[in-house]
Amino acid sequence: MRRIVLAEPEKGGVAATWSDGTTSFWPAIWLRDQCACSQCRHPSGQRLFEIGDLPEHPRIERVTTQGDGSVRVAWTEGHVSIYPAAFLYEHNLKTRRAAAPITLWGADLAALPEGDWAAIARDPAAELAWLEAYHRYGFGLLRNVPARPGMVAEVGDRLGFVRTTNYGRLFDVISVPDPNNLANTALGLGVHSDNPYRDPTPGVQLLHCLVSDAPGGDSILVDGFAAAEQLRTEAPGQFDLLARVPANFRFADKDADLQARRPLICVDVEGRIAAIHFNNRSFAGIDGPVELVEPWYAAYRNFARLLKQPERALAFRLAPGDLLVMENERALHGRTAFDANLGRRHLQGCYVDKDGLESRMRVLRRHVADAQRAAQ
């Protein structure tokens, strides 16, 4: 960790020089708002003031660097704030805040991110390692999860919070007569994100294999972010169309009529790919403008081609006890056809909100760090 070797008032805020020679600057209003003293924050960490309670232009009286590396700011209003060096290092406003690291992948991924359920259930460090791999690749496998009905929801509630939908708290993926969804047939399914007709789209899908006797039915995964990045490189105009012009998605049966309108490719405010919504079965067209319809469909066709490239597809067979966890808006999933006349294939699934797994990972980081400090 870098140390602050000098901190001093500068017009409108505080400037600091770090031990490696780099510099930082924090505006006074930002620093005053971030004060974490007992007058400003409840023990829960939530603010006790409204923004209108702060001076519009806070003025600094004195800045000192303390022995532990923290920065003390005395304000002309009589208030005093202490800022740990680690906090200031994390919030260097001169640099773009780094996104969580991810690794784009294809069929040549050397090893699947996986973990043993029993080890994860008893060891926070093992669970954290698995979650960090899951976030890096957008999916993860859990091995040796007891192959009993309902277990998928137990795992979902351990990792996050199971979301109940029109399919229920959990759902069965089996071949049935007269299904309301092609997932409940023996047909092969092209790679897709689940439920883009829902608002919000499910963040995470879990699929737990209970029975896998039927020939066929191999799982297929494709990194949608990698395919979208290739489209952005090779055809930036098409990428822009798919990120700018929304598509319609719909699912309807006797009990539900779910509709949503969103781009196939979503980017964040800094242009990073944030989500992919691709589902041929529930795609319901676009609403124009008319002059963009043909170019949009050309872009859609090209993106679909990239997603179907053999070098993108991870194919593997789930065995009873395997549980696949997928970031639904990144790791697109599908399957090969299977023969329901020669055996059974039974998966159970559920949906979990994305922020639940992110929260779990952060909490485990704290717990593991506390345990490591206690052991020293």
Protein backbone atom coordinates (compact mmCIF):
# COMPACT_ATOMS: atom_id res chain seq x y z
CA MET A 1 0.00 0.00 0.00
CA ARG A 2 1.31 3.44 -0.88
CA ARG A 3 1.73 6.04 1.89
CA ILE A 4 0.87 9.71 1.83
CA VAL A 5 4.08 11.65 2.39
CA LEU A 6 2.57 15.12 2.03
CA ALA A 7 -0.96 16.50 2.23
CA GLU A 8 -1.77 20.19 2.05
CA PRO A 9 -4.60 22.55 1.21
CA GLU A 10 -4.86 23.50 -2.42
CA LYS A 11 -7.39 25.85 -3.96
CA GLY A 12 -10.75 24.16 -3.59
CA GLY A 13 -9.57 21.02 -1.80
CA VAL A 14 -6.66 18.88 -0.61
CA ALA A 15 -3.64 17.77 -2.64
CA ALA A 16 -1.51 14.80 -1.64
CA THR A 17 1.75 13.24 -2.74
CA TRP A 18 2.17 9.50 -2.31
CA SER A 19 5.32 7.55 -1.48
CA ASP A 20 5.72 6.50 -5.13
CA GLY A 21 5.66 10.13 -6.29
CA THR A 22 2.13 10.14 -7.71
CA THR A 23 -0.33 12.83 -6.68
CA SER A 24 -4.03 13.04 -5.85
CA PHE A 25 -6.55 15.81 -5.33
CA TRP A 26 -9.92 15.77 -3.57
CA PRO A 27 -12.34 18.73 -3.81
CA ALA A 28 -13.42 20.17 -0.46
CA ILE A 29 -17.14 19.43 -0.98
CA TRP A 30 -16.34 15.79 -1.74
CA LEU A 31 -14.18 15.46 1.38
CA ARG A 32 -16.75 17.16 3.62
CA ASP A 33 -19.49 14.86 2.33
CA GLN A 34 -17.31 11.78 2.96
CA CYS A 35 -16.63 12.56 6.62
CA ALA A 36 -17.25 9.40 8.67
CA CYS A 37 -17.13 10.84 12.20
CA SER A 38 -19.86 10.04 14.74
CA GLN A 39 -21.51 13.43 14.15
CA CYS A 40 -21.84 12.68 10.42
CA ARG A 41 -22.48 8.93 10.34
CA HIS A 42 -24.69 6.54 12.29
CA PRO A 43 -22.94 3.33 13.48
CA SER A 44 -24.63 1.64 10.52
CA GLY A 45 -22.49 3.82 8.24
CA GLN A 46 -25.42 5.86 6.92
CA ARG A 47 -25.27 9.65 6.80
CA LEU A 48 -26.92 11.70 9.55
CA PHE A 49 -27.03 14.87 7.44
CA GLU A 50 -28.71 16.04 4.25
CA ILE A 51 -26.65 17.57 1.47
CA GLY A 52 -28.34 20.91 2.15
CA ASP A 53 -26.94 20.86 5.69
CA LEU A 54 -23.35 21.18 4.41
CA PRO A 55 -21.76 24.48 3.48
CA GLU A 56 -22.08 25.04 -0.26
CA HIS A 57 -18.37 25.83 -0.45
CA PRO A 58 -16.63 24.23 2.55
CA ARG A 59 -13.42 26.00 3.54
CA ILE A 60 -10.35 24.26 4.92
CA GLU A 61 -8.47 25.74 7.87
CA ARG A 62 -5.69 23.18 8.27
CA VAL A 63 -4.50 19.84 6.83
CA THR A 64 -2.13 17.50 8.68
CA THR A 65 -0.82 14.00 8.03
CA GLN A 66 -1.04 11.79 11.11
CA GLY A 67 1.32 9.07 12.28
CA ASP A 68 -0.89 6.25 11.02
CA GLY A 69 -0.92 7.79 7.53
CA SER A 70 -4.41 9.25 7.78
CA VAL A 71 -5.17 12.84 6.79
CA ARG A 72 -6.79 15.22 9.28
CA VAL A 73 -8.78 18.14 7.90
CA ALA A 74 -9.92 20.99 10.14
CA TRP A 75 -12.76 23.01 8.60
CA THR A 76 -13.41 26.71 9.23
CA GLU A 77 -16.91 25.79 10.43
CA GLY A 78 -15.26 24.10 13.43
CA HIS A 79 -15.67 20.52 12.21
CA VAL A 80 -12.79 18.00 12.04
CA SER A 81 -12.60 15.04 9.64
CA ILE A 82 -10.16 12.11 9.53
CA TYR A 83 -9.57 10.20 6.27
CA PRO A 84 -7.61 6.90 6.35
CA ALA A 85 -4.94 6.62 3.68
CA ALA A 86 -6.48 3.38 2.39
CA PHE A 87 -9.80 5.17 1.82
CA LEU A 88 -8.13 8.03 -0.04
CA TYR A 89 -6.08 5.57 -2.08
CA GLU A 90 -9.24 3.71 -3.11
CA HIS A 91 -10.90 6.99 -4.11
CA ASN A 92 -8.22 8.68 -6.17
CA LEU A 93 -10.42 11.05 -8.15
CA LYS A 94 -7.67 11.76 -10.65
CA THR A 95 -7.90 8.25 -12.08
CA ARG A 96 -10.76 6.26 -13.54
CA ARG A 97 -11.99 3.80 -10.97
CA ALA A 98 -11.07 0.32 -12.12
CA ALA A 99 -13.88 -2.08 -12.93
CA ALA A 100 -13.86 -5.53 -11.40
CA PRO A 101 -11.43 -7.61 -13.47
CA ILE A 102 -12.98 -10.06 -15.90
CA THR A 103 -11.46 -12.58 -18.29
CA LEU A 104 -12.98 -13.08 -21.73
CA TRP A 105 -12.99 -16.71 -22.83
CA GLY A 106 -13.88 -19.17 -25.56
CA ALA A 107 -13.81 -22.89 -26.23
CA ASP A 108 -10.11 -22.98 -25.39
CA LEU A 109 -10.67 -22.08 -21.73
CA ALA A 110 -8.10 -24.31 -20.03
CA ALA A 111 -10.11 -25.19 -16.91
CA LEU A 112 -13.68 -24.56 -15.83
CA PRO A 113 -14.04 -22.39 -12.72
CA GLU A 114 -15.34 -24.97 -10.27
CA GLY A 115 -15.45 -25.87 -6.63
CA ASP A 116 -16.57 -28.67 -4.35
CA TRP A 117 -19.83 -27.85 -2.58
CA ALA A 118 -18.90 -29.51 0.70
CA ALA A 119 -15.62 -27.56 0.89
CA ILE A 120 -17.35 -24.29 -0.01
CA ALA A 121 -20.11 -24.85 2.55
CA ARG A 122 -17.62 -25.22 5.42
CA ASP A 123 -14.73 -22.92 4.39
CA PRO A 124 -15.27 -19.18 3.79
CA ALA A 125 -11.91 -18.92 2.00
CA ALA A 126 -12.90 -21.66 -0.46
CA GLU A 127 -16.26 -20.01 -1.06
CA LEU A 128 -14.58 -16.64 -1.65
CA ALA A 129 -12.12 -18.17 -4.12
CA TRP A 130 -14.99 -19.76 -6.03
CA LEU A 131 -17.02 -16.53 -6.09
CA GLU A 132 -14.04 -14.51 -7.34
CA ALA A 133 -13.52 -17.02 -10.17
CA TYR A 134 -17.26 -16.90 -10.94
CA HIS A 135 -17.17 -13.11 -11.22
CA ARG A 136 -14.07 -13.19 -13.41
CA TYR A 137 -15.53 -15.63 -15.94
CA GLY A 138 -19.26 -14.98 -15.54
CA PHE A 139 -20.02 -18.57 -14.56
CA GLY A 140 -18.95 -21.30 -12.19
CA LEU A 141 -19.57 -24.98 -11.51
CA LEU A 142 -20.32 -26.48 -8.13
CA ARG A 143 -19.56 -30.18 -7.89
CA ASN A 144 -21.09 -32.75 -5.54
CA VAL A 145 -24.18 -30.78 -4.62
CA PRO A 146 -26.63 -33.36 -3.19
CA ALA A 147 -28.85 -34.45 -6.09
CA ARG A 148 -32.14 -33.97 -4.31
CA PRO A 149 -35.10 -31.81 -5.38
CA GLY A 150 -35.07 -28.29 -3.95
CA MET A 151 -31.33 -28.17 -3.33
CA VAL A 152 -30.86 -25.55 -6.06
CA ALA A 153 -32.89 -23.05 -4.03
CA GLU A 154 -30.87 -23.81 -0.90
CA VAL A 155 -27.67 -23.03 -2.82
CA GLY A 156 -29.31 -19.93 -4.30
CA ASP A 157 -30.18 -18.62 -0.84
CA ARG A 158 -26.63 -19.32 0.36
CA LEU A 159 -25.07 -17.34 -2.50
CA GLY A 160 -27.73 -14.62 -2.74
CA PHE A 161 -31.51 -14.31 -2.63
CA VAL A 162 -33.77 -16.52 -4.75
CA ARG A 163 -36.28 -14.56 -6.82
CA THR A 164 -39.77 -16.00 -7.24
CA THR A 165 -41.19 -15.60 -10.76
CA ASN A 166 -44.20 -16.87 -12.70
CA TYR A 167 -42.24 -20.15 -12.94
CA GLY A 168 -42.17 -20.35 -9.13
CA ARG A 169 -39.38 -20.21 -6.59
CA LEU A 170 -37.67 -22.95 -8.55
CA PHE A 171 -38.53 -24.72 -11.80
CA ASP A 172 -38.00 -28.09 -13.45
CA VAL A 173 -36.27 -28.44 -16.81
CA ILE A 174 -37.66 -31.70 -18.16
CA SER A 175 -39.36 -32.85 -21.33
CA VAL A 176 -43.15 -32.72 -20.83
CA PRO A 177 -46.19 -33.00 -23.11
CA ASP A 178 -47.66 -29.69 -24.33
CA PRO A 179 -44.99 -27.41 -22.77
CA ASN A 180 -45.34 -23.63 -22.48
CA ASN A 181 -41.60 -23.20 -23.05
CA LEU A 182 -39.18 -24.90 -25.44
CA ALA A 183 -36.88 -25.53 -22.48
CA ASN A 184 -39.34 -28.27 -21.48
CA THR A 185 -38.88 -30.22 -24.69
CA ALA A 186 -36.07 -32.50 -25.84
CA LEU A 187 -35.06 -30.04 -28.56
CA GLY A 188 -31.65 -28.45 -28.74
CA LEU A 189 -31.55 -24.81 -27.66
CA GLY A 190 -29.31 -22.13 -29.12
CA VAL A 191 -27.32 -20.05 -26.63
CA HIS A 192 -29.39 -17.35 -25.02
CA SER A 193 -29.90 -15.20 -21.96
CA ASP A 194 -32.94 -16.18 -19.91
CA ASN A 195 -36.06 -14.04 -19.53
CA PRO A 196 -35.10 -10.82 -21.36
CA TYR A 197 -38.87 -10.18 -21.36
CA ARG A 198 -38.70 -9.59 -17.60
CA ASP A 199 -37.90 -6.24 -15.95
CA PRO A 200 -35.39 -6.50 -14.46
CA THR A 201 -33.86 -9.44 -16.28
CA PRO A 202 -32.70 -12.15 -13.83
CA GLY A 203 -29.09 -11.48 -12.91
CA VAL A 204 -28.03 -15.05 -12.17
CA GLN A 205 -29.39 -18.45 -13.16
CA LEU A 206 -28.66 -21.69 -11.32
CA LEU A 207 -29.21 -25.11 -12.95
CA HIS A 208 -28.79 -28.26 -10.86
CA CYS A 209 -28.54 -31.66 -12.51
CA LEU A 210 -30.62 -34.34 -10.76
CA VAL A 211 -30.78 -36.98 -13.53
CA SER A 212 -28.75 -37.28 -16.75
CA ASP A 213 -29.46 -40.67 -18.33
CA ALA A 214 -30.70 -39.55 -21.76
CA PRO A 215 -28.26 -39.51 -24.69
CA GLY A 216 -27.42 -35.91 -25.63
CA GLY A 217 -28.35 -32.85 -23.64
CA ASP A 218 -24.82 -31.45 -23.32
CA SER A 219 -24.62 -27.93 -21.90
CA ILE A 220 -23.20 -25.13 -24.06
CA LEU A 221 -21.84 -21.82 -22.78
CA VAL A 222 -20.68 -18.77 -24.75
CA ASP A 223 -19.12 -15.58 -23.39
CA GLY A 224 -21.49 -12.94 -24.73
CA PHE A 225 -19.13 -10.14 -23.71
CA ALA A 226 -16.32 -11.64 -25.83
CA ALA A 227 -18.58 -11.89 -28.88
CA ALA A 228 -19.80 -8.32 -28.38
CA GLU A 229 -16.23 -7.04 -28.11
CA GLN A 230 -15.41 -8.77 -31.39
CA LEU A 231 -18.42 -7.08 -33.00
CA ARG A 232 -17.30 -3.70 -31.64
CA THR A 233 -13.82 -4.24 -33.14
CA GLU A 234 -14.94 -5.56 -36.53
CA ALA A 235 -18.16 -3.58 -37.07
CA PRO A 236 -18.40 -0.61 -34.68
CA GLY A 237 -21.44 0.79 -36.48
CA GLN A 238 -23.34 -2.46 -35.98
CA PHE A 239 -22.28 -2.59 -32.34
CA ASP A 240 -23.63 0.94 -31.90
CA LEU A 241 -26.97 -0.01 -33.47
CA LEU A 242 -27.45 -3.00 -31.16
CA ALA A 243 -26.46 -0.89 -28.16
CA ARG A 244 -28.70 2.04 -29.12
CA VAL A 245 -31.88 0.66 -30.73
CA PRO A 246 -33.98 -1.40 -28.30
CA ALA A 247 -35.55 -4.75 -29.14
CA ASN A 248 -38.85 -6.09 -27.86
CA PHE A 249 -39.08 -9.36 -25.92
CA ARG A 250 -42.23 -11.19 -24.87
CA PHE A 251 -43.40 -14.34 -23.11
CA ALA A 252 -47.11 -15.12 -22.89
CA ASP A 253 -49.13 -18.10 -21.68
CA LYS A 254 -52.48 -18.45 -19.93
CA ASP A 255 -51.12 -17.07 -16.66
CA ALA A 256 -48.58 -14.43 -17.72
CA ASP A 257 -47.87 -11.82 -20.36
CA LEU A 258 -44.39 -10.48 -19.76
CA GLN A 259 -42.89 -7.81 -22.00
CA ALA A 260 -39.73 -5.71 -21.93
CA ARG A 261 -37.89 -3.42 -24.32
CA ARG A 262 -34.11 -3.19 -24.14
CA PRO A 263 -30.99 -3.20 -26.36
CA LEU A 264 -29.35 -6.51 -27.24
CA ILE A 265 -26.07 -5.04 -25.98
CA CYS A 266 -26.05 -2.72 -22.97
CA VAL A 267 -23.05 -0.55 -22.10
CA ASP A 268 -22.40 1.47 -18.96
CA VAL A 269 -21.72 5.20 -18.84
CA GLU A 270 -18.03 4.56 -19.60
CA GLY A 271 -18.75 2.38 -22.62
CA ARG A 272 -17.97 -0.97 -20.99
CA ILE A 273 -20.23 -3.86 -21.92
CA ALA A 274 -22.65 -4.42 -19.04
CA ALA A 275 -25.24 -6.89 -20.34
CA ILE A 276 -26.27 -9.02 -23.30
CA HIS A 277 -29.94 -9.74 -24.04
CA PHE A 278 -30.14 -12.41 -26.71
CA ASN A 279 -33.02 -14.85 -26.95
CA ASN A 280 -34.34 -15.88 -30.34
CA ARG A 281 -37.37 -17.64 -28.80
CA SER A 282 -38.74 -14.56 -27.07
CA PHE A 283 -37.52 -11.86 -29.48
CA ALA A 284 -40.51 -9.81 -30.65
CA GLY A 285 -38.98 -7.46 -33.24
CA ILE A 286 -38.07 -3.78 -33.07
CA ASP A 287 -40.26 -0.71 -33.37
CA GLY A 288 -38.08 1.20 -35.83
CA PRO A 289 -37.24 3.87 -36.78
CA VAL A 290 -38.00 2.50 -40.21
CA GLU A 291 -34.71 3.61 -41.81
CA LEU A 292 -32.76 1.59 -39.22
CA VAL A 293 -34.72 -1.66 -39.46
CA GLU A 294 -32.68 -3.27 -42.24
CA PRO A 295 -29.28 -2.14 -40.84
CA TRP A 296 -30.37 -3.32 -37.38
CA TYR A 297 -31.32 -6.78 -38.66
CA ALA A 298 -27.99 -7.01 -40.47
CA ALA A 299 -26.23 -6.23 -37.19
CA TYR A 300 -28.45 -8.75 -35.36
CA ARG A 301 -27.60 -11.45 -37.91
CA ASN A 302 -23.88 -10.70 -37.62
CA PHE A 303 -23.95 -10.81 -33.83
CA ALA A 304 -25.84 -14.12 -33.95
CA ARG A 305 -23.15 -15.46 -36.29
CA LEU A 306 -20.41 -14.49 -33.86
CA LEU A 307 -22.24 -16.17 -30.98
CA LYS A 308 -22.47 -19.40 -33.00
CA GLN A 309 -18.77 -19.59 -33.87
CA PRO A 310 -17.50 -23.05 -32.79
CA GLU A 311 -14.40 -21.51 -31.23
CA ARG A 312 -16.61 -19.67 -28.72
CA ALA A 313 -18.62 -22.61 -27.36
CA LEU A 314 -17.74 -24.47 -24.18
CA ALA A 315 -19.56 -27.82 -24.30
CA PHE A 316 -19.71 -30.21 -21.38
CA ARG A 317 -22.09 -32.70 -19.82
CA LEU A 318 -23.62 -32.08 -16.42
CA ALA A 319 -23.67 -35.14 -14.16
CA PRO A 320 -26.03 -35.61 -11.21
CA GLY A 321 -24.79 -33.34 -8.43
CA ASP A 322 -23.34 -30.72 -10.76
CA LEU A 323 -24.78 -27.23 -10.32
CA LEU A 324 -24.05 -24.55 -12.92
CA VAL A 325 -24.20 -20.90 -11.85
CA MET A 326 -24.33 -18.37 -14.70
CA GLU A 327 -24.30 -14.59 -14.91
CA ASN A 328 -27.41 -14.52 -17.06
CA GLU A 329 -26.57 -11.34 -18.98
CA ARG A 330 -23.07 -12.50 -19.88
CA ALA A 331 -22.69 -16.31 -20.00
CA LEU A 332 -25.21 -17.30 -22.65
CA HIS A 333 -26.30 -20.92 -22.33
CA GLY A 334 -27.88 -23.58 -24.50
CA ARG A 335 -27.92 -27.34 -24.95
CA THR A 336 -27.78 -30.07 -27.54
CA ALA A 337 -30.92 -32.13 -28.24
CA PHE A 338 -31.48 -35.28 -26.22
CA ASP A 339 -33.51 -38.47 -26.68
CA ALA A 340 -36.20 -38.60 -24.02
CA ASN A 341 -37.20 -42.09 -25.21
CA LEU A 342 -33.87 -43.56 -24.12
CA GLY A 343 -33.47 -41.94 -20.72
CA ARG A 344 -34.33 -39.03 -18.44
CA ARG A 345 -32.78 -35.60 -18.16
CA HIS A 346 -33.94 -33.58 -15.16
CA LEU A 347 -32.53 -30.25 -14.09
CA GLN A 348 -33.92 -27.85 -11.50
CA GLY A 349 -33.28 -24.15 -11.74
CA CYS A 350 -33.84 -20.88 -9.96
CA TYR A 351 -32.97 -17.22 -10.39
CA VAL A 352 -30.95 -15.02 -8.04
CA ASP A 353 -30.38 -11.28 -8.27
CA LYS A 354 -26.87 -10.36 -9.37
CA ASP A 355 -26.20 -8.02 -6.47
CA GLY A 356 -26.75 -10.85 -3.98
CA LEU A 357 -23.65 -12.73 -5.15
CA GLU A 358 -21.65 -9.50 -5.28
CA SER A 359 -22.68 -8.73 -1.70
CA ARG A 360 -21.79 -12.25 -0.59
CA MET A 361 -18.31 -11.89 -2.10
CA ARG A 362 -17.65 -8.57 -0.33
CA VAL A 363 -18.85 -9.91 3.03
CA LEU A 364 -16.62 -12.98 2.68
CA ARG A 365 -13.64 -10.76 1.85
CA ARG A 366 -14.15 -8.97 5.16
CA HIS A 367 -14.53 -12.24 7.08
CA VAL A 368 -11.48 -13.85 5.49
CA ALA A 369 -9.36 -10.72 6.06
CA ASP A 370 -10.48 -10.59 9.73
CA ALA A 371 -9.59 -14.27 10.17
CA GLN A 372 -6.17 -13.73 8.62
CA ARG A 373 -5.46 -10.77 10.91
CA ALA A 374 -6.57 -12.75 13.95
CA ALA A 375 -4.23 -15.59 12.99
CA GLN A 376 -1.17 -13.32 12.78
